[in-house]
Amino acid sequence: MKTSSPCPVDAVLKVLAGPWTTHVLWALQTSGPLRFGALKRAIAGVSSRLLAERLRRLTDAGFVEREVVPTVPLQVTYRLSDRGRRLGAVLEQLQPIASEWESQETGVAQAREGRG
């Protein structure tokens, strides 16, 4: 993963910014290595095309490893790399903050609607 920005975090955030990216990382972190079909089932709503693109981008960035077993049909398994596991630990640390902010936003929305 190359960075041309003076902020090294920028390159990581650019990889994570795409739709479904954090869902893919979360699924691989919580479920372990998964084949494409199982990963697609674990992430309800993602299209095959978008999932394949996200996996390719995460693999290129070094967050995900792709193992191919040359059978008919090919068996492709995806797992977090060491880099991906380190990133997963950081994402876990964001979870309490995200949950807190989500509940605050829900409370504000309910107050606006007169339900809170």
N, C-alpha and C. Protein backbone atom coordinates (compact mmCIF):
# COMPACT_ATOMS: atom_id res chain seq x y z
N MET A 1 0.85 -1.17 0.00
CA MET A 1 0.00 0.00 0.00
C MET A 1 0.90 1.23 0.00
N LYS A 2 0.86 1.97 -1.09
CA LYS A 2 1.66 3.18 -1.21
C LYS A 2 0.88 4.37 -0.71
N THR A 3 1.60 5.36 -0.24
CA THR A 3 0.95 6.59 0.18
C THR A 3 1.71 7.78 -0.40
N SER A 4 0.99 8.72 -0.97
CA SER A 4 1.60 9.94 -1.46
C SER A 4 1.20 11.11 -0.59
N SER A 5 0.42 10.85 0.42
CA SER A 5 -0.06 11.87 1.34
C SER A 5 0.94 12.04 2.49
N PRO A 6 1.08 13.25 3.00
CA PRO A 6 1.94 13.42 4.18
C PRO A 6 1.35 12.76 5.43
N CYS A 7 0.08 12.39 5.39
CA CYS A 7 -0.57 11.71 6.52
C CYS A 7 -0.63 10.21 6.21
N PRO A 8 0.13 9.37 6.92
CA PRO A 8 0.15 7.94 6.62
C PRO A 8 -1.19 7.25 6.85
N VAL A 9 -2.04 7.79 7.69
CA VAL A 9 -3.35 7.19 7.96
C VAL A 9 -4.26 7.32 6.74
N ASP A 10 -4.01 8.33 5.93
CA ASP A 10 -4.84 8.60 4.75
C ASP A 10 -4.92 7.39 3.83
N ALA A 11 -3.80 6.70 3.61
CA ALA A 11 -3.78 5.54 2.70
C ALA A 11 -4.66 4.41 3.25
N VAL A 12 -4.63 4.18 4.54
CA VAL A 12 -5.46 3.14 5.15
C VAL A 12 -6.93 3.51 5.03
N LEU A 13 -7.25 4.75 5.33
CA LEU A 13 -8.65 5.18 5.28
C LEU A 13 -9.20 5.15 3.86
N LYS A 14 -8.36 5.39 2.87
CA LYS A 14 -8.82 5.31 1.48
C LYS A 14 -9.21 3.89 1.13
N VAL A 15 -8.48 2.91 1.63
CA VAL A 15 -8.83 1.51 1.38
C VAL A 15 -10.13 1.16 2.10
N LEU A 16 -10.29 1.62 3.32
CA LEU A 16 -11.46 1.30 4.13
C LEU A 16 -12.71 2.06 3.71
N ALA A 17 -12.56 3.13 2.96
CA ALA A 17 -13.67 4.03 2.66
C ALA A 17 -14.71 3.44 1.72
N GLY A 18 -14.39 2.43 0.97
CA GLY A 18 -15.34 1.89 0.01
C GLY A 18 -16.49 1.16 0.67
N PRO A 19 -17.61 1.07 -0.05
CA PRO A 19 -18.77 0.37 0.52
C PRO A 19 -18.46 -1.11 0.77
N TRP A 20 -18.94 -1.61 1.88
CA TRP A 20 -18.84 -3.00 2.31
C TRP A 20 -17.44 -3.42 2.79
N THR A 21 -16.47 -2.54 2.71
CA THR A 21 -15.10 -2.93 3.08
C THR A 21 -15.01 -3.35 4.54
N THR A 22 -15.55 -2.56 5.43
CA THR A 22 -15.45 -2.93 6.85
C THR A 22 -16.30 -4.16 7.14
N HIS A 23 -17.38 -4.37 6.38
CA HIS A 23 -18.19 -5.59 6.55
C HIS A 23 -17.35 -6.83 6.21
N VAL A 24 -16.58 -6.74 5.14
CA VAL A 24 -15.73 -7.87 4.73
C VAL A 24 -14.70 -8.16 5.81
N LEU A 25 -14.04 -7.12 6.29
CA LEU A 25 -13.03 -7.31 7.34
C LEU A 25 -13.66 -7.89 8.60
N TRP A 26 -14.82 -7.39 8.97
CA TRP A 26 -15.51 -7.87 10.17
C TRP A 26 -15.88 -9.34 10.04
N ALA A 27 -16.42 -9.71 8.88
CA ALA A 27 -16.83 -11.11 8.65
C ALA A 27 -15.63 -12.04 8.73
N LEU A 28 -14.51 -11.65 8.12
CA LEU A 28 -13.31 -12.49 8.16
C LEU A 28 -12.71 -12.54 9.56
N GLN A 29 -12.85 -11.45 10.30
CA GLN A 29 -12.30 -11.44 11.65
C GLN A 29 -13.14 -12.30 12.59
N THR A 30 -14.45 -12.24 12.45
CA THR A 30 -15.31 -12.97 13.39
C THR A 30 -15.54 -14.42 12.99
N SER A 31 -15.45 -14.73 11.69
CA SER A 31 -15.73 -16.09 11.22
C SER A 31 -14.50 -16.86 10.79
N GLY A 32 -13.37 -16.20 10.67
CA GLY A 32 -12.17 -16.87 10.21
C GLY A 32 -12.17 -17.00 8.70
N PRO A 33 -11.30 -17.84 8.16
CA PRO A 33 -11.21 -18.00 6.71
C PRO A 33 -12.55 -18.44 6.11
N LEU A 34 -12.91 -17.82 4.99
CA LEU A 34 -14.17 -18.14 4.32
C LEU A 34 -13.97 -18.22 2.82
N ARG A 35 -14.73 -19.10 2.20
CA ARG A 35 -14.78 -19.12 0.74
C ARG A 35 -15.72 -18.02 0.29
N PHE A 36 -15.64 -17.67 -0.98
CA PHE A 36 -16.39 -16.54 -1.51
C PHE A 36 -17.89 -16.66 -1.21
N GLY A 37 -18.49 -17.80 -1.49
CA GLY A 37 -19.92 -17.98 -1.28
C GLY A 37 -20.33 -17.81 0.17
N ALA A 38 -19.54 -18.36 1.08
CA ALA A 38 -19.83 -18.23 2.50
C ALA A 38 -19.68 -16.78 2.95
N LEU A 39 -18.69 -16.10 2.41
CA LEU A 39 -18.49 -14.69 2.74
C LEU A 39 -19.66 -13.85 2.23
N LYS A 40 -20.13 -14.15 1.03
CA LYS A 40 -21.27 -13.43 0.47
C LYS A 40 -22.52 -13.66 1.32
N ARG A 41 -22.73 -14.87 1.79
CA ARG A 41 -23.88 -15.15 2.66
C ARG A 41 -23.75 -14.45 4.02
N ALA A 42 -22.52 -14.29 4.48
CA ALA A 42 -22.28 -13.63 5.77
C ALA A 42 -22.52 -12.12 5.71
N ILE A 43 -22.51 -11.57 4.51
CA ILE A 43 -22.68 -10.13 4.33
C ILE A 43 -23.95 -9.91 3.51
N ALA A 44 -25.07 -9.94 4.16
CA ALA A 44 -26.36 -9.82 3.47
C ALA A 44 -26.43 -8.49 2.70
N GLY A 45 -26.81 -8.60 1.43
CA GLY A 45 -27.03 -7.40 0.63
C GLY A 45 -25.91 -7.02 -0.32
N VAL A 46 -24.72 -7.58 -0.14
CA VAL A 46 -23.62 -7.23 -1.03
C VAL A 46 -23.74 -8.03 -2.33
N SER A 47 -23.45 -7.38 -3.46
CA SER A 47 -23.48 -8.08 -4.74
C SER A 47 -22.17 -8.84 -4.94
N SER A 48 -22.21 -9.86 -5.77
CA SER A 48 -21.00 -10.64 -6.06
C SER A 48 -19.92 -9.77 -6.69
N ARG A 49 -20.33 -8.89 -7.59
CA ARG A 49 -19.37 -8.01 -8.27
C ARG A 49 -18.67 -7.10 -7.27
N LEU A 50 -19.45 -6.48 -6.38
CA LEU A 50 -18.87 -5.55 -5.42
C LEU A 50 -18.01 -6.30 -4.39
N LEU A 51 -18.45 -7.47 -3.96
CA LEU A 51 -17.66 -8.26 -3.02
C LEU A 51 -16.32 -8.64 -3.65
N ALA A 52 -16.34 -9.07 -4.89
CA ALA A 52 -15.09 -9.44 -5.58
C ALA A 52 -14.15 -8.24 -5.68
N GLU A 53 -14.72 -7.07 -5.97
CA GLU A 53 -13.89 -5.85 -6.07
C GLU A 53 -13.30 -5.48 -4.71
N ARG A 54 -14.10 -5.56 -3.66
CA ARG A 54 -13.61 -5.25 -2.31
C ARG A 54 -12.50 -6.23 -1.90
N LEU A 55 -12.70 -7.51 -2.17
CA LEU A 55 -11.69 -8.51 -1.83
C LEU A 55 -10.39 -8.26 -2.60
N ARG A 56 -10.51 -7.90 -3.85
CA ARG A 56 -9.32 -7.60 -4.66
C ARG A 56 -8.58 -6.40 -4.08
N ARG A 57 -9.33 -5.37 -3.71
CA ARG A 57 -8.70 -4.17 -3.15
C ARG A 57 -8.04 -4.47 -1.80
N LEU A 58 -8.71 -5.23 -0.94
CA LEU A 58 -8.14 -5.58 0.36
C LEU A 58 -6.93 -6.50 0.21
N THR A 59 -6.96 -7.37 -0.79
CA THR A 59 -5.82 -8.25 -1.06
C THR A 59 -4.64 -7.42 -1.56
N ASP A 60 -4.90 -6.50 -2.49
CA ASP A 60 -3.83 -5.63 -3.01
C ASP A 60 -3.21 -4.78 -1.92
N ALA A 61 -4.02 -4.37 -0.93
CA ALA A 61 -3.52 -3.55 0.17
C ALA A 61 -2.81 -4.38 1.24
N GLY A 62 -2.90 -5.71 1.13
CA GLY A 62 -2.21 -6.57 2.08
C GLY A 62 -3.00 -6.89 3.33
N PHE A 63 -4.31 -6.58 3.34
CA PHE A 63 -5.14 -6.86 4.52
C PHE A 63 -5.75 -8.25 4.48
N VAL A 64 -5.91 -8.79 3.28
CA VAL A 64 -6.54 -10.09 3.10
C VAL A 64 -5.62 -10.98 2.25
N GLU A 65 -5.57 -12.25 2.60
CA GLU A 65 -4.82 -13.24 1.81
C GLU A 65 -5.82 -14.11 1.08
N ARG A 66 -5.44 -14.50 -0.13
CA ARG A 66 -6.29 -15.32 -0.99
C ARG A 66 -5.56 -16.62 -1.25
N GLU A 67 -6.18 -17.73 -0.87
CA GLU A 67 -5.58 -19.05 -1.09
C GLU A 67 -6.41 -19.79 -2.15
N VAL A 68 -5.74 -20.23 -3.20
CA VAL A 68 -6.41 -20.93 -4.28
C VAL A 68 -5.98 -22.39 -4.28
N VAL A 69 -6.96 -23.30 -4.24
CA VAL A 69 -6.70 -24.73 -4.35
C VAL A 69 -7.15 -25.12 -5.76
N PRO A 70 -6.21 -25.61 -6.58
CA PRO A 70 -6.53 -25.88 -7.99
C PRO A 70 -7.37 -27.15 -8.19
N THR A 71 -8.63 -27.05 -7.82
CA THR A 71 -9.57 -28.14 -8.03
C THR A 71 -10.56 -27.68 -9.09
N VAL A 72 -11.47 -28.55 -9.46
CA VAL A 72 -12.54 -28.16 -10.39
C VAL A 72 -13.85 -28.27 -9.65
N PRO A 73 -14.53 -27.18 -9.38
CA PRO A 73 -14.10 -25.80 -9.62
C PRO A 73 -13.04 -25.36 -8.61
N LEU A 74 -12.38 -24.23 -8.91
CA LEU A 74 -11.36 -23.71 -8.01
C LEU A 74 -11.94 -23.47 -6.63
N GLN A 75 -11.17 -23.75 -5.61
CA GLN A 75 -11.56 -23.41 -4.24
C GLN A 75 -10.71 -22.23 -3.81
N VAL A 76 -11.36 -21.10 -3.60
CA VAL A 76 -10.66 -19.88 -3.19
C VAL A 76 -11.13 -19.53 -1.78
N THR A 77 -10.18 -19.42 -0.88
CA THR A 77 -10.47 -19.09 0.51
C THR A 77 -9.80 -17.77 0.84
N TYR A 78 -10.52 -16.92 1.57
CA TYR A 78 -10.01 -15.61 1.98
C TYR A 78 -9.84 -15.62 3.49
N ARG A 79 -8.76 -14.99 3.94
CA ARG A 79 -8.48 -14.87 5.37
C ARG A 79 -7.76 -13.56 5.61
N LEU A 80 -7.83 -13.07 6.84
CA LEU A 80 -7.09 -11.86 7.17
C LEU A 80 -5.60 -12.18 7.23
N SER A 81 -4.79 -11.29 6.71
CA SER A 81 -3.34 -11.40 6.83
C SER A 81 -2.96 -10.87 8.22
N ASP A 82 -1.68 -10.92 8.54
CA ASP A 82 -1.22 -10.33 9.80
C ASP A 82 -1.60 -8.85 9.85
N ARG A 83 -1.41 -8.17 8.73
CA ARG A 83 -1.76 -6.75 8.64
C ARG A 83 -3.27 -6.56 8.86
N GLY A 84 -4.07 -7.43 8.29
CA GLY A 84 -5.52 -7.36 8.45
C GLY A 84 -5.96 -7.61 9.88
N ARG A 85 -5.29 -8.55 10.55
CA ARG A 85 -5.63 -8.82 11.95
C ARG A 85 -5.27 -7.62 12.83
N ARG A 86 -4.15 -6.97 12.54
CA ARG A 86 -3.78 -5.77 13.30
C ARG A 86 -4.80 -4.66 13.09
N LEU A 87 -5.26 -4.51 11.84
CA LEU A 87 -6.28 -3.52 11.54
C LEU A 87 -7.59 -3.90 12.22
N GLY A 88 -7.91 -5.18 12.26
CA GLY A 88 -9.13 -5.64 12.92
C GLY A 88 -9.14 -5.26 14.39
N ALA A 89 -7.98 -5.34 15.03
CA ALA A 89 -7.89 -4.97 16.44
C ALA A 89 -8.21 -3.48 16.62
N VAL A 90 -7.76 -2.67 15.69
CA VAL A 90 -8.05 -1.23 15.75
C VAL A 90 -9.54 -0.98 15.51
N LEU A 91 -10.12 -1.70 14.54
CA LEU A 91 -11.55 -1.54 14.28
C LEU A 91 -12.39 -1.95 15.48
N GLU A 92 -11.95 -2.98 16.20
CA GLU A 92 -12.65 -3.39 17.42
C GLU A 92 -12.65 -2.27 18.46
N GLN A 93 -11.55 -1.53 18.51
CA GLN A 93 -11.48 -0.42 19.46
C GLN A 93 -12.44 0.71 19.09
N LEU A 94 -12.79 0.81 17.81
CA LEU A 94 -13.73 1.83 17.36
C LEU A 94 -15.18 1.45 17.67
N GLN A 95 -15.44 0.17 17.89
CA GLN A 95 -16.81 -0.30 18.07
C GLN A 95 -17.54 0.40 19.21
N PRO A 96 -16.96 0.53 20.41
CA PRO A 96 -17.70 1.21 21.49
C PRO A 96 -18.04 2.66 21.13
N ILE A 97 -17.13 3.32 20.46
CA ILE A 97 -17.38 4.71 20.05
C ILE A 97 -18.52 4.75 19.05
N ALA A 98 -18.46 3.86 18.06
CA ALA A 98 -19.51 3.81 17.03
C ALA A 98 -20.87 3.50 17.65
N SER A 99 -20.90 2.55 18.57
CA SER A 99 -22.16 2.19 19.23
C SER A 99 -22.71 3.37 20.03
N GLU A 100 -21.84 4.06 20.74
CA GLU A 100 -22.26 5.23 21.53
C GLU A 100 -22.83 6.31 20.63
N TRP A 101 -22.12 6.60 19.54
CA TRP A 101 -22.59 7.64 18.63
C TRP A 101 -23.89 7.24 17.96
N GLU A 102 -24.02 5.95 17.62
CA GLU A 102 -25.25 5.48 16.99
C GLU A 102 -26.44 5.66 17.94
N SER A 103 -26.25 5.31 19.22
CA SER A 103 -27.35 5.45 20.17
C SER A 103 -27.67 6.93 20.40
N GLN A 104 -26.66 7.79 20.39
CA GLN A 104 -26.91 9.23 20.53
C GLN A 104 -27.71 9.75 19.34
N GLU A 105 -27.35 9.32 18.14
CA GLU A 105 -28.07 9.75 16.94
C GLU A 105 -29.50 9.23 16.95
N THR A 106 -29.69 8.00 17.43
CA THR A 106 -31.03 7.44 17.53
C THR A 106 -31.87 8.26 18.50
N GLY A 107 -31.28 8.63 19.63
CA GLY A 107 -31.98 9.44 20.62
C GLY A 107 -32.35 10.81 20.06
N VAL A 108 -31.45 11.42 19.31
CA VAL A 108 -31.72 12.72 18.71
C VAL A 108 -32.85 12.60 17.69
N ALA A 109 -32.81 11.55 16.87
CA ALA A 109 -33.84 11.35 15.85
C ALA A 109 -35.20 11.10 16.51
N GLN A 110 -35.22 10.33 17.59
CA GLN A 110 -36.48 10.06 18.30
C GLN A 110 -37.02 11.34 18.93
N ALA A 111 -36.12 12.16 19.46
CA ALA A 111 -36.55 13.44 20.07
C ALA A 111 -37.16 14.35 19.00
N ARG A 112 -36.57 14.36 17.82
CA ARG A 112 -37.11 15.18 16.73
C ARG A 112 -38.50 14.70 16.32
N GLU A 113 -38.72 13.40 16.38
CA GLU A 113 -40.01 12.82 15.99
C GLU A 113 -41.02 12.85 17.13
N GLY A 114 -40.59 13.34 18.30
CA GLY A 114 -41.49 13.41 19.45
C GLY A 114 -41.67 12.11 20.18
N ARG A 115 -40.74 11.15 19.95
CA ARG A 115 -40.85 9.84 20.62
C ARG A 115 -39.93 9.74 21.81
N GLY A 116 -39.05 10.68 22.02
CA GLY A 116 -38.08 10.55 23.09
C GLY A 116 -38.34 11.47 24.16
